[in-house]
Protein backbone atom coordinates (compact mmCIF):
# COMPACT_ATOMS: atom_id res chain seq x y z
CA UNK A 1 -39.13 -2.07 23.50
CA UNK A 2 -41.77 0.53 24.24
CA UNK A 3 -41.06 4.13 23.31
CA UNK A 4 -41.22 5.35 26.93
CA UNK A 5 -38.62 2.85 28.08
CA UNK A 6 -36.43 3.62 25.08
CA UNK A 7 -36.48 7.34 25.89
CA UNK A 8 -35.48 6.64 29.50
CA UNK A 9 -32.65 4.44 28.26
CA UNK A 10 -31.41 7.04 25.77
CA UNK A 11 -31.35 9.78 28.41
CA UNK A 12 -28.56 7.97 30.30
CA UNK A 13 -29.33 9.87 33.50
CA UNK A 14 -29.28 13.21 31.68
CA UNK A 15 -31.95 15.83 32.11
CA UNK A 16 -34.22 16.11 29.04
CA UNK A 17 -33.36 19.78 28.61
CA UNK A 18 -29.68 18.84 28.14
CA UNK A 19 -30.34 16.49 25.22
CA UNK A 20 -29.75 17.76 21.67
CA UNK A 21 -30.02 14.43 19.79
CA UNK A 22 -32.43 11.58 20.40
CA UNK A 23 -32.64 8.32 18.42
CA UNK A 24 -35.66 6.09 19.04
CA UNK A 25 -35.48 3.89 15.94
CA UNK A 26 -37.11 0.43 15.96
CA UNK A 27 -38.93 0.81 19.26
CA UNK A 28 -42.72 0.46 19.50
CA UNK A 29 -45.21 3.30 19.78
CA UNK A 30 -48.47 2.99 21.68
CA UNK A 31 -51.44 2.76 19.31
CA UNK A 32 -49.38 4.39 16.59
CA UNK A 33 -48.83 7.61 18.55
CA UNK A 34 -45.84 9.29 20.17
CA UNK A 35 -45.47 8.72 23.90
CA UNK A 36 -42.92 9.72 26.54
CA UNK A 37 -41.71 12.72 24.53
CA UNK A 38 -42.61 16.12 25.97
CA UNK A 39 -41.71 19.80 25.80
CA UNK A 40 -38.92 19.40 28.37
CA UNK A 41 -36.74 18.36 25.43
CA UNK A 42 -36.53 22.02 24.48
CA UNK A 43 -32.90 21.85 23.26
CA UNK A 44 -33.51 18.95 20.89
CA UNK A 45 -32.09 19.56 17.40
CA UNK A 46 -32.19 16.05 15.94
CA UNK A 47 -34.96 13.47 16.47
CA UNK A 48 -35.17 10.07 14.79
CA UNK A 49 -38.23 7.84 15.08
CA UNK A 50 -37.72 5.46 12.15
CA UNK A 51 -39.72 2.23 12.02
CA UNK A 52 -41.71 2.75 15.22
CA UNK A 53 -45.15 2.05 13.66
CA UNK A 54 -46.31 5.64 13.90
CA UNK A 55 -49.63 6.48 12.28
CA UNK A 56 -50.10 9.96 13.75
CA UNK A 57 -48.02 13.01 14.73
CA UNK A 58 -50.79 14.56 16.83
CA UNK A 59 -48.91 14.06 20.13
CA UNK A 60 -45.65 15.57 18.91
CA UNK A 61 -44.56 18.15 21.53
CA UNK A 62 -43.36 21.66 20.70
CA UNK A 63 -39.69 21.43 19.75
CA UNK A 64 -38.77 24.90 18.55
CA UNK A 65 -35.04 24.12 18.07
CA UNK A 66 -35.56 20.91 16.12
CA UNK A 67 -33.74 21.02 12.76
CA UNK A 68 -33.79 17.41 11.55
CA UNK A 69 -36.65 14.94 11.87
CA UNK A 70 -36.42 11.31 10.74
CA UNK A 71 -39.81 9.57 10.35
CA UNK A 72 -39.00 6.96 7.71
CA UNK A 73 -40.64 3.53 7.50
CA UNK A 74 -43.76 4.34 9.48
CA UNK A 75 -47.46 4.30 8.58
CA UNK A 76 -48.07 8.05 8.39
CA UNK A 77 -50.63 9.07 5.76
CA UNK A 78 -51.51 12.64 6.75
CA UNK A 79 -51.72 15.19 9.52
CA UNK A 80 -48.45 16.90 8.50
CA UNK A 81 -49.75 20.36 9.34
CA UNK A 82 -48.77 19.73 12.99
CA UNK A 83 -45.10 19.93 11.96
CA UNK A 84 -45.26 23.63 11.09
CA UNK A 85 -46.95 24.33 14.41
CA UNK A 86 -44.69 22.26 16.68
CA UNK A 87 -41.38 22.30 14.77
CA UNK A 88 -41.30 25.60 12.85
CA UNK A 89 -37.52 25.57 12.29
CA UNK A 90 -37.21 22.22 10.54
CA UNK A 91 -34.67 22.19 7.71
CA UNK A 92 -34.65 18.43 6.99
CA UNK A 93 -37.65 16.05 6.97
CA UNK A 94 -37.52 12.37 6.03
CA UNK A 95 -40.92 10.76 5.35
CA UNK A 96 -39.68 7.98 3.07
CA UNK A 97 -41.43 4.63 3.31
CA UNK A 98 -44.71 6.05 4.62
CA UNK A 99 -48.27 6.02 3.21
CA UNK A 100 -48.26 9.44 1.61
CA UNK A 101 -50.19 9.31 -1.67
CA UNK A 102 -51.34 12.77 -2.71
CA UNK A 103 -49.88 16.22 -3.30
CA UNK A 104 -52.59 17.64 -1.05
CA UNK A 105 -50.98 15.82 1.89
CA UNK A 106 -47.59 17.40 1.15
CA UNK A 107 -49.18 20.83 0.72
CA UNK A 108 -49.37 21.12 4.51
CA UNK A 109 -45.57 21.52 4.53
CA UNK A 110 -45.74 24.93 2.84
CA UNK A 111 -45.68 26.61 6.25
CA UNK A 112 -42.29 25.09 7.06
CA UNK A 113 -40.47 28.16 5.75
CA UNK A 114 -36.97 26.88 6.64
CA UNK A 115 -37.37 23.43 5.08
CA UNK A 116 -34.55 22.74 2.61
CA UNK A 117 -34.59 18.96 2.18
CA UNK A 118 -37.61 16.64 1.94
CA UNK A 119 -37.48 12.88 1.40
CA UNK A 120 -40.56 11.05 0.13
CA UNK A 121 -38.73 8.11 -1.42
CA UNK A 122 -40.68 4.86 -1.51
CA UNK A 123 -43.98 6.61 -0.84
CA UNK A 124 -46.88 6.12 -3.26
CA UNK A 125 -46.79 9.81 -4.19
CA UNK A 126 -43.57 9.21 -6.12
CA UNK A 127 -45.59 7.25 -8.70
CA UNK A 128 -47.48 10.36 -9.78
CA UNK A 129 -46.75 11.80 -13.19
CA UNK A 130 -44.39 14.79 -13.00
CA UNK A 131 -43.97 14.04 -9.31
CA UNK A 132 -40.73 15.96 -8.83
CA UNK A 133 -41.78 19.00 -10.84
CA UNK A 134 -45.06 19.16 -8.95
CA UNK A 135 -43.47 18.98 -5.51
CA UNK A 136 -40.84 21.62 -6.32
CA UNK A 137 -43.61 23.87 -7.64
CA UNK A 138 -45.71 23.31 -4.54
CA UNK A 139 -42.89 23.76 -2.02
CA UNK A 140 -40.80 26.66 -3.27
CA UNK A 141 -38.63 26.72 -0.14
CA UNK A 142 -37.06 23.26 -0.58
CA UNK A 143 -33.77 22.77 -2.40
CA UNK A 144 -33.53 18.98 -2.36
CA UNK A 145 -36.20 16.32 -2.96
CA UNK A 146 -35.25 12.70 -2.31
CA UNK A 147 -31.60 13.72 -2.13
CA UNK A 148 -31.39 15.72 -5.40
CA UNK A 149 -32.12 19.28 -6.48
CA UNK A 150 -34.07 20.32 -9.57
CA UNK A 151 -30.98 19.91 -11.77
CA UNK A 152 -30.39 16.39 -10.36
CA UNK A 153 -27.38 17.49 -8.31
CA UNK A 154 -26.94 15.32 -5.26
CA UNK A 155 -27.33 16.88 -1.84
CA UNK A 156 -24.08 17.09 0.17
CA UNK A 157 -23.77 14.88 3.22
CA UNK A 158 -23.77 16.65 6.56
CA UNK A 159 -20.41 14.96 7.30
CA UNK A 160 -18.90 16.47 4.15
CA UNK A 161 -20.12 19.91 5.19
CA UNK A 162 -18.45 19.45 8.59
CA UNK A 163 -15.24 18.34 6.88
CA UNK A 164 -15.29 21.48 4.72
CA UNK A 165 -15.75 23.62 7.81
CA UNK A 166 -12.85 21.78 9.43
CA UNK A 167 -10.68 22.44 6.36
CA UNK A 168 -11.53 26.14 6.58
CA UNK A 169 -10.48 26.14 10.23
CA UNK A 170 -7.19 24.46 9.31
CA UNK A 171 -6.53 27.11 6.67
CA UNK A 172 -7.15 29.85 9.22
CA UNK A 173 -4.75 28.17 11.65
CA UNK A 174 -2.08 28.08 8.96
CA UNK A 175 -2.59 31.76 8.22
CA UNK A 176 -2.29 32.63 11.90
CA UNK A 177 0.87 30.56 12.20
CA UNK A 178 2.74 32.94 9.87
CA UNK A 179 4.29 32.65 6.42
CA UNK A 180 6.31 29.55 5.59
CA UNK A 181 9.43 31.64 4.92
CA UNK A 182 10.04 31.98 8.64
CA UNK A 183 10.24 28.24 9.06
CA UNK A 184 12.57 27.97 6.07
CA UNK A 185 14.94 30.51 7.61
CA UNK A 186 14.93 28.62 10.87
CA UNK A 187 15.72 25.43 9.02
CA UNK A 188 18.58 27.15 7.21
CA UNK A 189 19.98 28.35 10.51
CA UNK A 190 19.75 24.85 11.88
CA UNK A 191 21.56 23.52 8.82
CA UNK A 192 24.27 26.16 9.26
CA UNK A 193 24.68 25.16 12.88
CA UNK A 194 25.00 21.53 11.89
CA UNK A 195 27.63 22.45 9.29
CA UNK A 196 29.62 24.28 11.93
CA UNK A 197 29.36 21.28 14.19
CA UNK A 198 30.70 19.06 11.45
CA UNK A 199 33.62 21.47 10.88
CA UNK A 200 34.50 21.39 14.55
CA UNK A 201 34.38 17.61 14.54
CA UNK A 202 36.73 17.53 11.53
CA UNK A 203 39.15 19.86 13.37
CA UNK A 204 39.03 17.62 16.43
CA UNK A 205 39.73 14.59 14.28
CA UNK A 206 42.68 16.40 12.64
CA UNK A 207 44.15 17.37 16.01
CA UNK A 208 43.79 13.85 17.30
CA UNK A 209 45.56 12.50 14.23
CA UNK A 210 48.43 14.96 14.61
CA UNK A 211 48.82 14.15 18.29
CA UNK A 212 48.93 10.45 17.48
CA UNK A 213 51.59 11.12 14.85
CA UNK A 214 53.68 13.08 17.36
CA UNK A 215 53.33 10.34 19.96
CA UNK A 216 54.35 7.74 17.39
CA UNK A 217 57.37 9.83 16.38
CA UNK A 218 58.47 10.14 20.01
CA UNK A 219 58.15 6.40 20.50
CA UNK A 220 60.19 5.81 17.34
CA UNK A 221 62.87 8.23 18.65
CA UNK A 222 62.99 6.40 21.96
CA UNK A 223 63.41 3.11 20.17
CA UNK A 224 66.20 4.61 18.06
CA UNK A 225 67.96 5.94 21.16
CA UNK A 226 67.71 2.54 22.85
CA UNK A 227 69.11 0.80 19.75
CA UNK A 228 72.04 3.24 19.63
CA UNK A 229 72.71 2.70 23.33
CA UNK A 230 72.80 -1.05 22.82
CA UNK A 231 75.18 -0.70 19.86
CA UNK A 232 77.51 1.57 21.88
CA UNK A 233 77.55 -0.89 24.76
CA UNK A 234 78.43 -3.70 22.40
CA UNK A 235 81.19 -1.58 20.84
CA UNK A 236 82.63 -0.74 24.28
CA UNK A 237 82.63 -4.44 25.19
CA UNK A 238 84.52 -5.30 22.04
CA UNK A 239 87.08 -2.56 22.72
CA UNK A 240 87.53 -3.84 26.29
CA UNK A 241 88.21 -7.30 25.05
CA UNK A 242 90.75 -5.92 22.58
CA UNK A 243 92.47 -4.06 25.38
CA UNK A 244 92.63 -7.18 27.47
CA UNK A 245 94.00 -9.19 24.60
CA UNK A 246 96.65 -6.59 23.69
CA UNK A 247 98.68 -6.95 26.92
CA UNK A 248 98.57 -10.70 26.59
CA UNK A 249 99.91 -10.40 23.07
CA UNK A 250 102.63 -8.15 24.35
CA UNK A 251 103.60 -10.70 27.05
CA UNK A 252 103.87 -13.41 24.47
CA UNK A 253 106.13 -11.24 22.32
CA UNK A 254 108.44 -10.58 25.32
CA UNK A 255 108.71 -14.31 26.04
CA UNK A 256 109.88 -14.82 22.50
């Protein structure tokens, strides 16, 4: 895909001045030059044109807010002085996989005063004796070359830096939320309330048990009363029969 068409596609109906990041990797430049990119992209902070067969940066527009520029795997061999003129605030520049051979080519980057990280990996210049020492001596402003500083400490990833900032924000939120003692007191109060609730439930259970006992006692008393009534009725029946039999016995005695 041609670079012009790719830019139109990446805009997604947005105005160029609203775009802060633009990735044009693996498209095709016209005659090795930039096309379709103009100064209307004034808010652009990140631009990636990796593997687009670039040979020249002469048509790079002025992008004063640009911080990161990816130009890896192209055919660039010189003309880097345009970067200081068009992108004076660059902090990160990736030129790995290009045709840069000499320190004199890199010397043009001295005017990028804010440049902190430079990547020349897989360029012929890396085969020079004392390559790293020479580049650090030539470009005093950079901290990292090919991902490492002068003491061979690896450069932090931008994602890790964002995570650290996020952790700082979380710590601030915790501080604003107040000391943890307040939450502990609230939890204790909640526990006390639950204990009270349990005590009330135990009392209710005790009352229910007592009421059941009383009801059972009353039922037992009723049963006892009914049994006594039945026994009295039986006793009265027996006495009645005795009374009936007594006169008969008396009549028999008189007959004798």
